[in-house]
Amino acid sequence: MINQKQLLVILALGGVWAGLLMWRLVSIEEPAHVPLVHVTGQSAHRTVAQGKTGAPLRVDLGLLAASRTQREGTFATPKNIFSLTRPGEPQTESSEPPLPVNRPLTTEEQLSQQATAADLAQFRYLGFFYLGSLRREGREIALLVKNEDLHIVRAGEIIQQRVLVKSITPTAVTLQETHSLVEQTVPLAEGES
């Protein structure tokens, strides 16, 4: 009994398959025959490109030149989307500080820079962490201590109205005094006893 049902199902599927095959063969169209356009030995300059209207295509060089000058005239310097400027800050020509002029320092300037470097050296770098779940540049937050004041800062922020946090790495923080541009790298503080 089971063999008869299986045989009937196989015959039914075979009949459906044969019917689909016959329908496909009957309904198929023969491909259209068109004359060859490109014949071996025919030169390319004989045929002229024509548009939908039947007129030959041509290029208006005046319009092409006018569009070129218009493109060049409206071009502006692109904005650096990777700069560290914050919204609301005034935009400057260059985000980098001006390079100091190389001239000999007087003893007063040397003493001032030494005092500034000693003041920056009073900061201790306790550690850092990443803001958010992804490790990306500019997302580090550093913990700095000077005397009894704790500062939680990011790169680019200013502490005590005169100390810029230039960069934060896992091993050190680079600080810069904003007036004299003296830089000090503060290493990560080891465990104190």
Protein backbone atom coordinates (compact mmCIF):
# COMPACT_ATOMS: atom_id res chain seq x y z
CA MET A 1 0.00 0.00 0.00
CA ILE A 2 2.83 2.41 0.84
CA ASN A 3 4.64 1.55 -2.39
CA GLN A 4 1.51 2.38 -4.39
CA LYS A 5 1.23 5.85 -2.75
CA GLN A 6 4.88 6.58 -3.41
CA LEU A 7 4.50 5.48 -7.01
CA LEU A 8 1.44 7.73 -7.47
CA VAL A 9 3.30 10.74 -6.01
CA ILE A 10 6.29 10.15 -8.29
CA LEU A 11 4.02 9.84 -11.34
CA ALA A 12 2.14 13.03 -10.36
CA LEU A 13 5.40 15.00 -9.94
CA GLY A 14 6.72 13.60 -13.22
CA GLY A 15 3.50 14.69 -14.96
CA VAL A 16 3.76 18.21 -13.51
CA TRP A 17 7.41 18.42 -14.59
CA ALA A 18 6.58 17.21 -18.12
CA GLY A 19 3.72 19.74 -18.34
CA LEU A 20 5.98 22.63 -17.31
CA LEU A 21 8.60 21.54 -19.83
CA MET A 22 6.03 21.42 -22.66
CA TRP A 23 4.61 24.82 -21.67
CA ARG A 24 8.12 26.35 -21.69
CA LEU A 25 8.92 24.92 -25.13
CA VAL A 26 5.65 26.13 -26.62
CA SER A 27 5.77 29.65 -25.17
CA ILE A 28 9.44 30.40 -25.95
CA GLU A 29 10.01 33.07 -28.61
CA GLU A 30 12.71 32.92 -31.20
CA PRO A 31 15.37 35.64 -30.69
CA ALA A 32 15.04 38.70 -32.89
CA HIS A 33 17.47 38.96 -35.79
CA VAL A 34 19.02 42.40 -36.35
CA PRO A 35 21.66 43.41 -38.87
CA LEU A 36 25.23 43.88 -37.66
CA VAL A 37 26.21 47.48 -36.95
CA HIS A 38 29.97 47.05 -36.58
CA VAL A 39 31.43 45.24 -39.54
CA THR A 40 35.12 44.39 -39.76
CA GLY A 41 36.97 46.91 -41.92
CA GLN A 42 34.42 49.67 -41.46
CA SER A 43 36.01 52.96 -40.28
CA ALA A 44 34.63 54.65 -37.22
CA HIS A 45 34.41 58.19 -38.69
CA ARG A 46 31.66 57.21 -41.12
CA THR A 47 29.04 56.73 -38.45
CA VAL A 48 27.85 59.88 -36.68
CA ALA A 49 26.29 59.68 -33.23
CA GLN A 50 22.70 60.81 -33.29
CA GLY A 51 20.31 61.63 -30.50
CA LYS A 52 16.67 60.67 -30.19
CA THR A 53 15.65 63.40 -32.63
CA GLY A 54 17.91 62.07 -35.35
CA ALA A 55 20.19 65.15 -35.36
CA PRO A 56 23.92 64.57 -34.81
CA LEU A 57 25.17 65.15 -31.26
CA ARG A 58 27.53 68.05 -30.62
CA VAL A 59 29.26 69.61 -27.62
CA ASP A 60 28.68 73.26 -26.78
CA LEU A 61 32.20 74.35 -25.80
CA GLY A 62 31.00 77.73 -24.51
CA LEU A 63 28.77 76.10 -21.91
CA LEU A 64 31.54 73.70 -20.94
CA ALA A 65 34.02 76.55 -20.38
CA ALA A 66 31.45 78.59 -18.41
CA SER A 67 30.70 75.70 -16.08
CA ARG A 68 34.43 75.14 -15.51
CA THR A 69 34.99 78.78 -14.46
CA GLN A 70 31.91 78.64 -12.24
CA ARG A 71 33.22 75.52 -10.47
CA GLU A 72 36.62 77.11 -9.92
CA GLY A 73 35.09 80.36 -8.67
CA THR A 74 32.87 78.74 -6.03
CA PHE A 75 35.56 76.44 -4.61
CA ALA A 76 36.43 77.14 -0.99
CA THR A 77 38.98 75.58 1.29
CA PRO A 78 37.38 72.45 2.76
CA LYS A 79 36.69 72.29 6.48
CA ASN A 80 38.83 69.91 8.51
CA ILE A 81 36.23 67.64 10.08
CA PHE A 82 38.90 65.93 12.18
CA SER A 83 40.04 69.04 14.06
CA LEU A 84 39.57 69.18 17.81
CA THR A 85 37.69 72.49 17.87
CA ARG A 86 34.46 72.56 19.81
CA PRO A 87 31.23 74.21 18.67
CA GLY A 88 31.05 77.81 19.84
CA GLU A 89 34.81 78.37 19.70
CA PRO A 90 36.04 80.87 17.12
CA GLN A 91 37.56 79.25 14.06
CA THR A 92 41.15 80.21 13.28
CA GLU A 93 43.24 79.73 10.18
CA SER A 94 45.41 77.09 11.84
CA SER A 95 44.56 74.91 14.83
CA GLU A 96 48.26 74.62 15.68
CA PRO A 97 49.87 77.24 17.92
CA PRO A 98 52.35 79.56 16.23
CA LEU A 99 55.93 78.37 16.25
CA PRO A 100 58.16 80.31 18.64
CA VAL A 101 60.85 82.48 17.11
CA ASN A 102 64.33 81.06 17.67
CA ARG A 103 66.19 83.83 19.46
CA PRO A 104 68.50 83.73 22.45
CA LEU A 105 66.66 83.90 25.77
CA THR A 106 67.59 86.36 28.42
CA THR A 107 68.25 85.19 31.96
CA GLU A 108 64.89 86.62 33.09
CA GLU A 109 63.06 84.59 30.43
CA GLN A 110 65.06 81.49 31.35
CA LEU A 111 64.17 81.95 35.01
CA SER A 112 60.51 82.50 34.09
CA GLN A 113 60.45 79.32 31.97
CA GLN A 114 62.16 77.33 34.72
CA ALA A 115 59.58 78.59 37.24
CA THR A 116 56.75 77.68 34.87
CA ALA A 117 58.23 74.20 34.28
CA ALA A 118 58.57 73.71 38.05
CA ASP A 119 54.95 74.77 38.51
CA LEU A 120 53.79 72.32 35.82
CA ALA A 121 55.89 69.57 37.41
CA GLN A 122 53.77 69.85 40.57
CA PHE A 123 50.95 68.07 38.75
CA ARG A 124 50.71 64.33 39.35
CA TYR A 125 49.09 62.03 36.80
CA LEU A 126 47.04 59.45 38.68
CA GLY A 127 45.48 57.61 35.74
CA PHE A 128 43.04 57.73 32.89
CA PHE A 129 39.95 56.04 31.53
CA TYR A 130 38.02 56.00 28.28
CA LEU A 131 34.71 57.75 27.95
CA GLY A 132 32.22 55.30 26.47
CA SER A 133 32.83 51.71 25.48
CA LEU A 134 35.07 52.29 22.44
CA ARG A 135 38.75 53.23 22.55
CA ARG A 136 39.01 56.23 20.26
CA GLU A 137 41.36 59.19 20.01
CA GLY A 138 40.16 62.15 22.08
CA ARG A 139 37.93 60.06 24.37
CA GLU A 140 40.52 59.65 27.16
CA ILE A 141 39.91 61.36 30.47
CA ALA A 142 42.88 61.96 32.80
CA LEU A 143 42.97 62.36 36.57
CA LEU A 144 45.46 65.04 37.63
CA VAL A 145 46.26 66.29 41.12
CA LYS A 146 48.05 69.50 42.08
CA ASN A 147 48.40 70.17 45.80
CA GLU A 148 44.98 69.07 47.06
CA ASP A 149 42.99 69.88 43.90
CA LEU A 150 41.73 67.01 41.72
CA HIS A 151 41.26 67.78 38.02
CA ILE A 152 39.32 65.48 35.66
CA VAL A 153 40.26 66.61 32.15
CA ARG A 154 40.31 65.72 28.46
CA ALA A 155 42.90 66.66 25.84
CA GLY A 156 42.38 70.26 24.74
CA GLU A 157 40.94 71.51 28.06
CA ILE A 158 42.47 74.29 30.12
CA ILE A 159 43.11 73.91 33.86
CA GLN A 160 43.49 76.86 36.27
CA GLN A 161 42.93 79.36 33.40
CA ARG A 162 46.50 78.89 32.08
CA VAL A 163 47.46 75.22 31.70
CA LEU A 164 46.45 73.43 28.49
CA VAL A 165 46.21 69.62 28.44
CA LYS A 166 47.84 68.88 25.06
CA SER A 167 47.72 65.09 25.01
CA ILE A 168 46.79 62.12 27.15
CA THR A 169 48.40 58.71 26.79
CA PRO A 170 48.33 55.68 29.11
CA THR A 171 51.86 56.51 30.32
CA ALA A 172 51.98 60.33 30.43
CA VAL A 173 50.13 63.63 30.07
CA THR A 174 51.60 66.61 28.22
CA LEU A 175 50.77 70.00 29.73
CA GLN A 176 51.50 73.44 28.24
CA GLU A 177 51.42 76.82 29.93
CA THR A 178 49.32 79.02 27.61
CA HIS A 179 51.29 82.28 27.95
CA SER A 180 54.90 81.12 27.75
CA LEU A 181 54.18 77.92 25.75
CA VAL A 182 56.40 75.89 28.09
CA GLU A 183 55.57 72.19 27.86
CA GLN A 184 55.94 69.59 30.59
CA THR A 185 55.33 65.85 30.26
CA VAL A 186 53.99 64.39 33.49
CA PRO A 187 54.52 60.62 33.75
CA LEU A 188 51.98 58.27 35.30
CA ALA A 189 52.47 58.27 39.08
CA GLU A 190 53.59 54.96 40.53
CA GLY A 191 52.04 53.63 43.76
CA GLU A 192 53.05 55.90 46.62
CA SER A 193 53.78 54.65 50.11
